[in-house]
Amino acid sequence: MSEYKQKSIESFFEEYGITDPDDKAKILLEVTDTIYNYNMAVIKVEKELDEYKKKQALGGVEEWRSKIDEIFTDFLKK
């Protein structure tokens, strides 16, 4: 099982190499809600005791992570 942890918006900027404040401002509105939902999904996985439900919740985390990757990848292509 993949290990997912809550992450700040700034940590995603670092991960994708976005350092320019103007670039950060441009993508911030687009990515904020998605990162929030990702972190909430991670919390759900962390709190879940039932392994079956935990596995299901992990699918949500992976889905949000995929959306975050897509947003940053599309932004970096521009």
PDB file of N, CA and C in Angstrom:
ATOM      1  N   MET A   1       0.835  -1.176   0.000  1.00  0.00           N
ATOM      2  CA  MET A   1       0.000   0.000   0.000  1.00  0.00           C
ATOM      3  C   MET A   1       0.880   1.240   0.000  1.00  0.00           C
ATOM      4  N   SER A   2       0.556   2.182  -0.868  1.00  0.00           N
ATOM      5  CA  SER A   2       1.326   3.412  -0.946  1.00  0.00           C
ATOM      6  C   SER A   2       1.155   4.218   0.333  1.00  0.00           C
ATOM      7  N   GLU A   3       2.187   4.937   0.677  1.00  0.00           N
ATOM      8  CA  GLU A   3       2.154   5.770   1.871  1.00  0.00           C
ATOM      9  C   GLU A   3       1.858   7.205   1.460  1.00  0.00           C
ATOM     10  N   TYR A   4       0.701   7.692   1.851  1.00  0.00           N
ATOM     11  CA  TYR A   4       0.322   9.064   1.561  1.00  0.00           C
ATOM     12  C   TYR A   4       0.295   9.841   2.866  1.00  0.00           C
ATOM     13  N   LYS A   5       0.732  11.093   2.802  1.00  0.00           N
ATOM     14  CA  LYS A   5       0.741  11.973   3.966  1.00  0.00           C
ATOM     15  C   LYS A   5       0.156  13.308   3.565  1.00  0.00           C
ATOM     16  N   GLN A   6      -0.389  14.015   4.536  1.00  0.00           N
ATOM     17  CA  GLN A   6      -0.871  15.358   4.280  1.00  0.00           C
ATOM     18  C   GLN A   6       0.303  16.230   3.839  1.00  0.00           C
ATOM     19  N   LYS A   7       0.010  17.135   2.915  1.00  0.00           N
ATOM     20  CA  LYS A   7       1.062  18.002   2.389  1.00  0.00           C
ATOM     21  C   LYS A   7       0.522  19.418   2.254  1.00  0.00           C
ATOM     22  N   SER A   8       1.395  20.372   2.462  1.00  0.00           N
ATOM     23  CA  SER A   8       1.023  21.773   2.287  1.00  0.00           C
ATOM     24  C   SER A   8       1.093  22.151   0.806  1.00  0.00           C
ATOM     25  N   ILE A   9       0.459  23.245   0.491  1.00  0.00           N
ATOM     26  CA  ILE A   9       0.524  23.748  -0.884  1.00  0.00           C
ATOM     27  C   ILE A   9       1.981  24.046  -1.243  1.00  0.00           C
ATOM     28  N   GLU A  10       2.693  24.621  -0.298  1.00  0.00           N
ATOM     29  CA  GLU A  10       4.098  24.960  -0.536  1.00  0.00           C
ATOM     30  C   GLU A  10       4.931  23.716  -0.856  1.00  0.00           C
ATOM     31  N   SER A  11       4.620  22.601  -0.207  1.00  0.00           N
ATOM     32  CA  SER A  11       5.388  21.376  -0.484  1.00  0.00           C
ATOM     33  C   SER A  11       5.131  20.877  -1.910  1.00  0.00           C
ATOM     34  N   PHE A  12       3.917  21.081  -2.413  1.00  0.00           N
ATOM     35  CA  PHE A  12       3.651  20.724  -3.807  1.00  0.00           C
ATOM     36  C   PHE A  12       4.399  21.663  -4.749  1.00  0.00           C
ATOM     37  N   PHE A  13       4.471  22.957  -4.406  1.00  0.00           N
ATOM     38  CA  PHE A  13       5.253  23.887  -5.222  1.00  0.00           C
ATOM     39  C   PHE A  13       6.704  23.424  -5.299  1.00  0.00           C
ATOM     40  N   GLU A  14       7.262  23.033  -4.172  1.00  0.00           N
ATOM     41  CA  GLU A  14       8.640  22.544  -4.141  1.00  0.00           C
ATOM     42  C   GLU A  14       8.787  21.276  -4.975  1.00  0.00           C
ATOM     43  N   GLU A  15       7.832  20.367  -4.833  1.00  0.00           N
ATOM     44  CA  GLU A  15       7.885  19.099  -5.565  1.00  0.00           C
ATOM     45  C   GLU A  15       7.912  19.314  -7.075  1.00  0.00           C
ATOM     46  N   TYR A  16       7.153  20.300  -7.536  1.00  0.00           N
ATOM     47  CA  TYR A  16       7.072  20.554  -8.976  1.00  0.00           C
ATOM     48  C   TYR A  16       8.024  21.653  -9.437  1.00  0.00           C
ATOM     49  N   GLY A  17       8.852  22.154  -8.534  1.00  0.00           N
ATOM     50  CA  GLY A  17       9.865  23.141  -8.895  1.00  0.00           C
ATOM     51  C   GLY A  17       9.318  24.513  -9.223  1.00  0.00           C
ATOM     52  N   ILE A  18       8.189  24.866  -8.633  1.00  0.00           N
ATOM     53  CA  ILE A  18       7.608  26.186  -8.878  1.00  0.00           C
ATOM     54  C   ILE A  18       8.080  27.120  -7.764  1.00  0.00           C
ATOM     55  N   THR A  19       8.949  28.054  -8.118  1.00  0.00           N
ATOM     56  CA  THR A  19       9.526  28.955  -7.126  1.00  0.00           C
ATOM     57  C   THR A  19       9.132  30.413  -7.346  1.00  0.00           C
ATOM     58  N   ASP A  20       8.756  30.759  -8.555  1.00  0.00           N
ATOM     59  CA  ASP A  20       8.396  32.131  -8.880  1.00  0.00           C
ATOM     60  C   ASP A  20       7.071  32.514  -8.197  1.00  0.00           C
ATOM     61  N   PRO A  21       7.059  33.597  -7.431  1.00  0.00           N
ATOM     62  CA  PRO A  21       5.822  34.007  -6.743  1.00  0.00           C
ATOM     63  C   PRO A  21       4.653  34.273  -7.690  1.00  0.00           C
ATOM     64  N   ASP A  22       4.939  34.788  -8.870  1.00  0.00           N
ATOM     65  CA  ASP A  22       3.876  35.044  -9.842  1.00  0.00           C
ATOM     66  C   ASP A  22       3.265  33.739 -10.342  1.00  0.00           C
ATOM     67  N   ASP A  23       4.118  32.741 -10.581  1.00  0.00           N
ATOM     68  CA  ASP A  23       3.619  31.433 -11.005  1.00  0.00           C
ATOM     69  C   ASP A  23       2.780  30.797  -9.894  1.00  0.00           C
ATOM     70  N   LYS A  24       3.247  30.936  -8.662  1.00  0.00           N
ATOM     71  CA  LYS A  24       2.497  30.393  -7.524  1.00  0.00           C
ATOM     72  C   LYS A  24       1.113  31.027  -7.451  1.00  0.00           C
ATOM     73  N   ALA A  25       1.060  32.339  -7.634  1.00  0.00           N
ATOM     74  CA  ALA A  25      -0.213  33.053  -7.581  1.00  0.00           C
ATOM     75  C   ALA A  25      -1.151  32.604  -8.696  1.00  0.00           C
ATOM     76  N   LYS A  26      -0.587  32.344  -9.866  1.00  0.00           N
ATOM     77  CA  LYS A  26      -1.410  31.922 -11.005  1.00  0.00           C
ATOM     78  C   LYS A  26      -2.073  30.573 -10.775  1.00  0.00           C
ATOM     79  N   ILE A  27      -1.381  29.641 -10.140  1.00  0.00           N
ATOM     80  CA  ILE A  27      -1.903  28.289  -9.975  1.00  0.00           C
ATOM     81  C   ILE A  27      -2.627  28.093  -8.639  1.00  0.00           C
ATOM     82  N   LEU A  28      -2.438  29.008  -7.718  1.00  0.00           N
ATOM     83  CA  LEU A  28      -2.964  28.851  -6.359  1.00  0.00           C
ATOM     84  C   LEU A  28      -4.469  28.616  -6.314  1.00  0.00           C
ATOM     85  N   LEU A  29      -5.239  29.451  -6.992  1.00  0.00           N
ATOM     86  CA  LEU A  29      -6.695  29.292  -6.963  1.00  0.00           C
ATOM     87  C   LEU A  29      -7.143  27.969  -7.569  1.00  0.00           C
ATOM     88  N   GLU A  30      -6.441  27.550  -8.575  1.00  0.00           N
ATOM     89  CA  GLU A  30      -6.811  26.314  -9.267  1.00  0.00           C
ATOM     90  C   GLU A  30      -6.527  25.066  -8.433  1.00  0.00           C
ATOM     91  N   VAL A  31      -5.498  25.102  -7.613  1.00  0.00           N
ATOM     92  CA  VAL A  31      -5.050  23.893  -6.934  1.00  0.00           C
ATOM     93  C   VAL A  31      -5.450  23.827  -5.450  1.00  0.00           C
ATOM     94  N   THR A  32      -5.816  24.937  -4.840  1.00  0.00           N
ATOM     95  CA  THR A  32      -6.074  24.973  -3.399  1.00  0.00           C
ATOM     96  C   THR A  32      -7.149  23.978  -2.958  1.00  0.00           C
ATOM     97  N   ASP A  33      -8.303  24.006  -3.577  1.00  0.00           N
ATOM     98  CA  ASP A  33      -9.387  23.099  -3.177  1.00  0.00           C
ATOM     99  C   ASP A  33      -9.013  21.639  -3.393  1.00  0.00           C
ATOM    100  N   THR A  34      -8.303  21.366  -4.455  1.00  0.00           N
ATOM    101  CA  THR A  34      -7.908  19.992  -4.750  1.00  0.00           C
ATOM    102  C   THR A  34      -6.930  19.468  -3.702  1.00  0.00           C
ATOM    103  N   ILE A  35      -5.987  20.302  -3.285  1.00  0.00           N
ATOM    104  CA  ILE A  35      -5.045  19.888  -2.242  1.00  0.00           C
ATOM    105  C   ILE A  35      -5.777  19.713  -0.916  1.00  0.00           C
ATOM    106  N   TYR A  36      -6.728  20.581  -0.634  1.00  0.00           N
ATOM    107  CA  TYR A  36      -7.530  20.429   0.587  1.00  0.00           C
ATOM    108  C   TYR A  36      -8.253  19.080   0.573  1.00  0.00           C
ATOM    109  N   ASN A  37      -8.887  18.751  -0.532  1.00  0.00           N
ATOM    110  CA  ASN A  37      -9.609  17.474  -0.643  1.00  0.00           C
ATOM    111  C   ASN A  37      -8.659  16.283  -0.537  1.00  0.00           C
ATOM    112  N   TYR A  38      -7.478  16.416  -1.100  1.00  0.00           N
ATOM    113  CA  TYR A  38      -6.457  15.372  -0.973  1.00  0.00           C
ATOM    114  C   TYR A  38      -6.118  15.150   0.496  1.00  0.00           C
ATOM    115  N   ASN A  39      -5.856  16.236   1.211  1.00  0.00           N
ATOM    116  CA  ASN A  39      -5.495  16.129   2.622  1.00  0.00           C
ATOM    117  C   ASN A  39      -6.635  15.549   3.454  1.00  0.00           C
ATOM    118  N   MET A  40      -7.872  15.917   3.134  1.00  0.00           N
ATOM    119  CA  MET A  40      -9.021  15.360   3.860  1.00  0.00           C
ATOM    120  C   MET A  40      -9.143  13.854   3.593  1.00  0.00           C
ATOM    121  N   ALA A  41      -8.862  13.441   2.372  1.00  0.00           N
ATOM    122  CA  ALA A  41      -8.898  12.015   2.038  1.00  0.00           C
ATOM    123  C   ALA A  41      -7.800  11.260   2.790  1.00  0.00           C
ATOM    124  N   VAL A  42      -6.632  11.878   2.933  1.00  0.00           N
ATOM    125  CA  VAL A  42      -5.542  11.262   3.693  1.00  0.00           C
ATOM    126  C   VAL A  42      -5.961  11.088   5.153  1.00  0.00           C
ATOM    127  N   ILE A  43      -6.600  12.096   5.710  1.00  0.00           N
ATOM    128  CA  ILE A  43      -7.070  12.013   7.100  1.00  0.00           C
ATOM    129  C   ILE A  43      -8.062  10.866   7.256  1.00  0.00           C
ATOM    130  N   LYS A  44      -8.942  10.726   6.283  1.00  0.00           N
ATOM    131  CA  LYS A  44      -9.926   9.641   6.331  1.00  0.00           C
ATOM    132  C   LYS A  44      -9.231   8.281   6.358  1.00  0.00           C
ATOM    133  N   VAL A  45      -8.201   8.112   5.550  1.00  0.00           N
ATOM    134  CA  VAL A  45      -7.448   6.853   5.525  1.00  0.00           C
ATOM    135  C   VAL A  45      -6.751   6.639   6.868  1.00  0.00           C
ATOM    136  N   GLU A  46      -6.151   7.686   7.400  1.00  0.00           N
ATOM    137  CA  GLU A  46      -5.430   7.575   8.663  1.00  0.00           C
ATOM    138  C   GLU A  46      -6.347   7.174   9.819  1.00  0.00           C
ATOM    139  N   LYS A  47      -7.581   7.667   9.795  1.00  0.00           N
ATOM    140  CA  LYS A  47      -8.512   7.399  10.891  1.00  0.00           C
ATOM    141  C   LYS A  47      -9.239   6.066  10.755  1.00  0.00           C
ATOM    142  N   GLU A  48      -9.296   5.536   9.548  1.00  0.00           N
ATOM    143  CA  GLU A  48     -10.071   4.313   9.305  1.00  0.00           C
ATOM    144  C   GLU A  48      -9.380   3.100   9.911  1.00  0.00           C
ATOM    145  N   LEU A  49     -10.138   2.335  10.684  1.00  0.00           N
ATOM    146  CA  LEU A  49      -9.601   1.142  11.336  1.00  0.00           C
ATOM    147  C   LEU A  49      -9.846  -0.123  10.529  1.00  0.00           C
ATOM    148  N   ASP A  50     -10.958  -0.166   9.832  1.00  0.00           N
ATOM    149  CA  ASP A  50     -11.309  -1.338   9.026  1.00  0.00           C
ATOM    150  C   ASP A  50     -10.451  -1.350   7.759  1.00  0.00           C
ATOM    151  N   GLU A  51      -9.726  -2.438   7.544  1.00  0.00           N
ATOM    152  CA  GLU A  51      -8.796  -2.516   6.406  1.00  0.00           C
ATOM    153  C   GLU A  51      -9.499  -2.416   5.056  1.00  0.00           C
ATOM    154  N   TYR A  52     -10.682  -3.001   4.930  1.00  0.00           N
ATOM    155  CA  TYR A  52     -11.412  -2.936   3.669  1.00  0.00           C
ATOM    156  C   TYR A  52     -11.801  -1.484   3.362  1.00  0.00           C
ATOM    157  N   LYS A  53     -12.360  -0.802   4.366  1.00  0.00           N
ATOM    158  CA  LYS A  53     -12.757   0.594   4.187  1.00  0.00           C
ATOM    159  C   LYS A  53     -11.537   1.479   3.952  1.00  0.00           C
ATOM    160  N   LYS A  54     -10.444   1.156   4.601  1.00  0.00           N
ATOM    161  CA  LYS A  54      -9.201   1.912   4.424  1.00  0.00           C
ATOM    162  C   LYS A  54      -8.717   1.798   2.977  1.00  0.00           C
ATOM    163  N   LYS A  55      -8.818   0.593   2.430  1.00  0.00           N
ATOM    164  CA  LYS A  55      -8.402   0.366   1.040  1.00  0.00           C
ATOM    165  C   LYS A  55      -9.286   1.167   0.085  1.00  0.00           C
ATOM    166  N   GLN A  56     -10.586   1.212   0.384  1.00  0.00           N
ATOM    167  CA  GLN A  56     -11.504   1.995  -0.442  1.00  0.00           C
ATOM    168  C   GLN A  56     -11.171   3.490  -0.351  1.00  0.00           C
ATOM    169  N   ALA A  57     -10.926   3.959   0.860  1.00  0.00           N
ATOM    170  CA  ALA A  57     -10.606   5.371   1.062  1.00  0.00           C
ATOM    171  C   ALA A  57      -9.292   5.736   0.373  1.00  0.00           C
ATOM    172  N   LEU A  58      -8.376   4.816   0.310  1.00  0.00           N
ATOM    173  CA  LEU A  58      -7.099   5.053  -0.343  1.00  0.00           C
ATOM    174  C   LEU A  58      -7.296   5.352  -1.834  1.00  0.00           C
ATOM    175  N   GLY A  59      -8.320   4.759  -2.414  1.00  0.00           N
ATOM    176  CA  GLY A  59      -8.645   5.059  -3.811  1.00  0.00           C
ATOM    177  C   GLY A  59      -8.966   6.533  -3.996  1.00  0.00           C
ATOM    178  N   GLY A  60      -9.652   7.121  -3.010  1.00  0.00           N
ATOM    179  CA  GLY A  60      -9.956   8.547  -3.062  1.00  0.00           C
ATOM    180  C   GLY A  60      -8.702   9.395  -2.982  1.00  0.00           C
ATOM    181  N   VAL A  61      -7.774   8.988  -2.135  1.00  0.00           N
ATOM    182  CA  VAL A  61      -6.502   9.710  -2.009  1.00  0.00           C
ATOM    183  C   VAL A  61      -5.767   9.675  -3.341  1.00  0.00           C
ATOM    184  N   GLU A  62      -5.709   8.508  -3.942  1.00  0.00           N
ATOM    185  CA  GLU A  62      -5.005   8.366  -5.218  1.00  0.00           C
ATOM    186  C   GLU A  62      -5.674   9.194  -6.315  1.00  0.00           C
ATOM    187  N   GLU A  63      -7.001   9.258  -6.275  1.00  0.00           N
ATOM    188  CA  GLU A  63      -7.729  10.049  -7.267  1.00  0.00           C
ATOM    189  C   GLU A  63      -7.410  11.541  -7.117  1.00  0.00           C
ATOM    190  N   TRP A  64      -7.411  12.043  -5.877  1.00  0.00           N
ATOM    191  CA  TRP A  64      -7.074  13.453  -5.650  1.00  0.00           C
ATOM    192  C   TRP A  64      -5.632  13.738  -6.019  1.00  0.00           C
ATOM    193  N   ARG A  65      -4.743  12.816  -5.705  1.00  0.00           N
ATOM    194  CA  ARG A  65      -3.326  13.005  -6.043  1.00  0.00           C
ATOM    195  C   ARG A  65      -3.154  13.084  -7.558  1.00  0.00           C
ATOM    196  N   SER A  66      -3.883  12.263  -8.260  1.00  0.00           N
ATOM    197  CA  SER A  66      -3.835  12.272  -9.711  1.00  0.00           C
ATOM    198  C   SER A  66      -4.312  13.625 -10.268  1.00  0.00           C
ATOM    199  N   LYS A  67      -5.360  14.181  -9.674  1.00  0.00           N
ATOM    200  CA  LYS A  67      -5.866  15.485 -10.111  1.00  0.00           C
ATOM    201  C   LYS A  67      -4.836  16.579  -9.851  1.00  0.00           C
ATOM    202  N   ILE A  68      -4.162  16.503  -8.701  1.00  0.00           N
ATOM    203  CA  ILE A  68      -3.116  17.481  -8.385  1.00  0.00           C
ATOM    204  C   ILE A  68      -1.993  17.388  -9.415  1.00  0.00           C
ATOM    205  N   ASP A  69      -1.569  16.163  -9.709  1.00  0.00           N
ATOM    206  CA  ASP A  69      -0.517  15.963 -10.709  1.00  0.00           C
ATOM    207  C   ASP A  69      -0.929  16.551 -12.058  1.00  0.00           C
ATOM    208  N   GLU A  70      -2.164  16.333 -12.425  1.00  0.00           N
ATOM    209  CA  GLU A  70      -2.676  16.832 -13.703  1.00  0.00           C
ATOM    210  C   GLU A  70      -2.658  18.363 -13.748  1.00  0.00           C
ATOM    211  N   ILE A  71      -3.106  18.995 -12.660  1.00  0.00           N
ATOM    212  CA  ILE A  71      -3.131  20.462 -12.608  1.00  0.00           C
ATOM    213  C   ILE A  71      -1.724  21.030 -12.747  1.00  0.00           C
ATOM    214  N   PHE A  72      -0.778  20.494 -11.980  1.00  0.00           N
ATOM    215  CA  PHE A  72       0.594  21.004 -12.039  1.00  0.00           C
ATOM    216  C   PHE A  72       1.252  20.702 -13.377  1.00  0.00           C
ATOM    217  N   THR A  73       1.028  19.527 -13.911  1.00  0.00           N
ATOM    218  CA  THR A  73       1.619  19.153 -15.199  1.00  0.00           C
ATOM    219  C   THR A  73       1.104  20.062 -16.307  1.00  0.00           C
ATOM    220  N   ASP A  74      -0.205  20.296 -16.314  1.00  0.00           N
ATOM    221  CA  ASP A  74      -0.790  21.197 -17.328  1.00  0.00           C
ATOM    222  C   ASP A  74      -0.241  22.609 -17.177  1.00  0.00           C
ATOM    223  N   PHE A  75      -0.089  23.076 -15.946  1.00  0.00           N
ATOM    224  CA  PHE A  75       0.443  24.405 -15.703  1.00  0.00           C
ATOM    225  C   PHE A  75       1.885  24.529 -16.206  1.00  0.00           C
ATOM    226  N   LEU A  76       2.675  23.504 -15.946  1.00  0.00           N
ATOM    227  CA  LEU A  76       4.079  23.560 -16.349  1.00  0.00           C
ATOM    228  C   LEU A  76       4.271  23.455 -17.853  1.00  0.00           C
ATOM    229  N   LYS A  77       3.298  22.924 -18.562  1.00  0.00           N
ATOM    230  CA  LYS A  77       3.379  22.838 -20.028  1.00  0.00           C
ATOM    231  C   LYS A  77       3.174  24.192 -20.684  1.00  0.00           C
ATOM    232  N   LYS A  78       2.529  25.114 -19.980  1.00  0.00           N
ATOM    233  CA  LYS A  78       2.201  26.434 -20.568  1.00  0.00           C
ATOM    234  C   LYS A  78       3.402  27.325 -20.641  1.00  0.00           C
TER     235      LYS A  78
END
